[in-house]
Amino acid sequence: MALPKRRKSKSKSRMRRSHDAIGTPNLRPCPKCGIYTLPHRICPECGFYKGEQVIEQKVKIAE
């Protein structure tokens, strides 16, 4: 098995890890209600996806 001759410096290790950071999620506004959601997902507020209602919204009954 191959072994490195020299130890990797802190600079080289940190340069390699520069792409490992978690980026911000790509959020977009829902065309129906305007809440920001992930693309290609059903909107959790209104239940619409691509202009069609996919899930029914639960209605809270006030007693």
N, C-alpha and C. Protein backbone atom coordinates (compact mmCIF):
# COMPACT_ATOMS: atom_id res chain seq x y z
N MET A 1 0.84 -1.17 0.00
CA MET A 1 0.00 0.00 0.00
C MET A 1 0.89 1.24 0.00
N ALA A 2 0.52 2.22 -0.78
CA ALA A 2 1.33 3.43 -0.89
C ALA A 2 1.16 4.32 0.33
N LEU A 3 2.26 4.93 0.76
CA LEU A 3 2.24 5.84 1.89
C LEU A 3 2.85 7.17 1.46
N PRO A 4 2.34 8.28 1.99
CA PRO A 4 2.93 9.57 1.63
C PRO A 4 4.31 9.74 2.26
N LYS A 5 5.23 10.34 1.51
CA LYS A 5 6.57 10.56 2.04
C LYS A 5 6.58 11.67 3.07
N ARG A 6 5.81 12.70 2.83
CA ARG A 6 5.77 13.86 3.72
C ARG A 6 4.35 14.07 4.24
N ARG A 7 4.30 14.66 5.40
CA ARG A 7 3.01 14.99 6.01
C ARG A 7 2.35 16.14 5.24
N LYS A 8 1.03 16.07 5.07
CA LYS A 8 0.31 17.16 4.41
C LYS A 8 0.25 18.35 5.35
N SER A 9 0.53 19.52 4.82
CA SER A 9 0.50 20.72 5.65
C SER A 9 -0.95 21.10 5.98
N LYS A 10 -1.11 21.96 7.00
CA LYS A 10 -2.44 22.43 7.38
C LYS A 10 -3.09 23.16 6.20
N SER A 11 -2.30 23.90 5.49
CA SER A 11 -2.82 24.67 4.36
C SER A 11 -3.41 23.75 3.29
N LYS A 12 -2.68 22.70 2.94
CA LYS A 12 -3.16 21.77 1.91
C LYS A 12 -4.42 21.02 2.38
N SER A 13 -4.44 20.62 3.66
CA SER A 13 -5.61 19.92 4.18
C SER A 13 -6.82 20.82 4.18
N ARG A 14 -6.65 22.07 4.57
CA ARG A 14 -7.76 23.01 4.61
C ARG A 14 -8.23 23.37 3.22
N MET A 15 -7.31 23.43 2.26
CA MET A 15 -7.70 23.69 0.86
C MET A 15 -8.57 22.55 0.33
N ARG A 16 -8.21 21.33 0.70
CA ARG A 16 -8.98 20.17 0.25
C ARG A 16 -10.39 20.20 0.85
N ARG A 17 -10.49 20.65 2.10
CA ARG A 17 -11.77 20.66 2.79
C ARG A 17 -12.63 21.89 2.46
N SER A 18 -12.15 22.76 1.61
CA SER A 18 -12.88 24.00 1.35
C SER A 18 -14.23 23.74 0.68
N HIS A 19 -14.41 22.61 0.01
CA HIS A 19 -15.66 22.30 -0.67
C HIS A 19 -16.62 21.50 0.20
N ASP A 20 -16.22 21.16 1.41
CA ASP A 20 -17.06 20.32 2.28
C ASP A 20 -18.11 21.11 3.05
N ALA A 21 -18.06 22.42 3.01
CA ALA A 21 -19.00 23.23 3.78
C ALA A 21 -20.41 23.06 3.22
N ILE A 22 -21.39 23.11 4.12
CA ILE A 22 -22.78 22.99 3.70
C ILE A 22 -23.24 24.35 3.20
N GLY A 23 -23.76 24.39 2.00
CA GLY A 23 -24.23 25.64 1.42
C GLY A 23 -25.66 25.95 1.81
N THR A 24 -26.12 27.11 1.43
CA THR A 24 -27.49 27.49 1.72
C THR A 24 -28.44 26.77 0.76
N PRO A 25 -29.62 26.37 1.21
CA PRO A 25 -30.54 25.67 0.33
C PRO A 25 -31.13 26.62 -0.72
N ASN A 26 -31.39 26.07 -1.91
CA ASN A 26 -32.00 26.86 -2.97
C ASN A 26 -33.50 26.92 -2.72
N LEU A 27 -33.96 28.03 -2.20
CA LEU A 27 -35.38 28.18 -1.93
C LEU A 27 -36.00 29.05 -3.01
N ARG A 28 -37.25 28.75 -3.34
CA ARG A 28 -37.98 29.54 -4.32
C ARG A 28 -39.37 29.79 -3.78
N PRO A 29 -40.00 30.91 -4.16
CA PRO A 29 -41.35 31.17 -3.66
C PRO A 29 -42.38 30.31 -4.38
N CYS A 30 -43.37 29.88 -3.64
CA CYS A 30 -44.48 29.11 -4.22
C CYS A 30 -45.32 30.07 -5.06
N PRO A 31 -45.71 29.70 -6.29
CA PRO A 31 -46.51 30.60 -7.11
C PRO A 31 -47.90 30.86 -6.55
N LYS A 32 -48.43 29.94 -5.74
CA LYS A 32 -49.78 30.11 -5.19
C LYS A 32 -49.79 30.96 -3.92
N CYS A 33 -48.98 30.55 -2.92
CA CYS A 33 -49.08 31.21 -1.61
C CYS A 33 -47.87 32.10 -1.30
N GLY A 34 -46.76 31.93 -2.00
CA GLY A 34 -45.60 32.79 -1.80
C GLY A 34 -44.62 32.34 -0.75
N ILE A 35 -44.89 31.22 -0.05
CA ILE A 35 -43.95 30.73 0.96
C ILE A 35 -42.74 30.12 0.24
N TYR A 36 -41.56 30.27 0.83
CA TYR A 36 -40.34 29.75 0.22
C TYR A 36 -40.20 28.26 0.53
N THR A 37 -40.01 27.45 -0.52
CA THR A 37 -39.86 26.00 -0.38
C THR A 37 -38.73 25.53 -1.29
N LEU A 38 -38.33 24.28 -1.11
CA LEU A 38 -37.33 23.69 -1.99
C LEU A 38 -37.96 23.42 -3.36
N PRO A 39 -37.19 23.56 -4.45
CA PRO A 39 -37.75 23.29 -5.77
C PRO A 39 -38.08 21.81 -5.95
N HIS A 40 -39.06 21.53 -6.79
CA HIS A 40 -39.52 20.18 -7.12
C HIS A 40 -40.09 19.45 -5.90
N ARG A 41 -40.72 20.20 -5.00
CA ARG A 41 -41.37 19.62 -3.83
C ARG A 41 -42.78 20.19 -3.73
N ILE A 42 -43.66 19.44 -3.08
CA ILE A 42 -45.01 19.93 -2.84
C ILE A 42 -44.93 21.03 -1.78
N CYS A 43 -45.67 22.10 -1.99
CA CYS A 43 -45.68 23.20 -1.02
C CYS A 43 -46.38 22.73 0.25
N PRO A 44 -45.72 22.85 1.42
CA PRO A 44 -46.35 22.39 2.65
C PRO A 44 -47.51 23.27 3.11
N GLU A 45 -47.58 24.50 2.65
CA GLU A 45 -48.65 25.41 3.07
C GLU A 45 -49.94 25.18 2.29
N CYS A 46 -49.84 25.22 0.95
CA CYS A 46 -51.07 25.15 0.14
C CYS A 46 -51.29 23.78 -0.50
N GLY A 47 -50.25 22.93 -0.59
CA GLY A 47 -50.41 21.59 -1.15
C GLY A 47 -50.37 21.53 -2.66
N PHE A 48 -49.91 22.59 -3.32
CA PHE A 48 -49.85 22.62 -4.78
C PHE A 48 -48.48 22.20 -5.29
N TYR A 49 -48.45 21.57 -6.47
CA TYR A 49 -47.20 21.23 -7.16
C TYR A 49 -47.46 21.35 -8.65
N LYS A 50 -46.70 22.18 -9.33
CA LYS A 50 -46.84 22.45 -10.76
C LYS A 50 -48.25 22.88 -11.13
N GLY A 51 -48.84 23.71 -10.30
CA GLY A 51 -50.17 24.26 -10.60
C GLY A 51 -51.33 23.35 -10.28
N GLU A 52 -51.07 22.16 -9.76
CA GLU A 52 -52.14 21.22 -9.42
C GLU A 52 -52.13 20.97 -7.92
N GLN A 53 -53.32 20.84 -7.35
CA GLN A 53 -53.40 20.53 -5.93
C GLN A 53 -53.18 19.05 -5.74
N VAL A 54 -52.12 18.72 -5.01
CA VAL A 54 -51.72 17.33 -4.83
C VAL A 54 -52.24 16.78 -3.51
N ILE A 55 -52.15 17.58 -2.45
CA ILE A 55 -52.64 17.15 -1.15
C ILE A 55 -53.66 18.16 -0.64
N GLU A 56 -54.63 17.66 0.10
CA GLU A 56 -55.65 18.52 0.69
C GLU A 56 -55.10 19.15 1.97
N GLN A 57 -55.45 20.39 2.21
CA GLN A 57 -55.04 21.06 3.42
C GLN A 57 -55.94 20.65 4.56
N LYS A 58 -55.36 20.46 5.73
CA LYS A 58 -56.13 20.15 6.93
C LYS A 58 -56.72 21.46 7.46
N VAL A 59 -58.01 21.43 7.73
CA VAL A 59 -58.69 22.63 8.23
C VAL A 59 -58.91 22.45 9.72
N LYS A 60 -58.45 23.44 10.49
CA LYS A 60 -58.66 23.39 11.94
C LYS A 60 -60.02 23.97 12.25
N ILE A 61 -60.81 23.21 13.02
CA ILE A 61 -62.14 23.65 13.40
C ILE A 61 -62.05 24.29 14.78
N ALA A 62 -62.46 25.56 14.87
CA ALA A 62 -62.44 26.26 16.15
C ALA A 62 -63.70 25.92 16.93
N GLU A 63 -63.52 25.45 18.13
CA GLU A 63 -64.68 25.09 18.95
C GLU A 63 -64.87 26.06 20.08
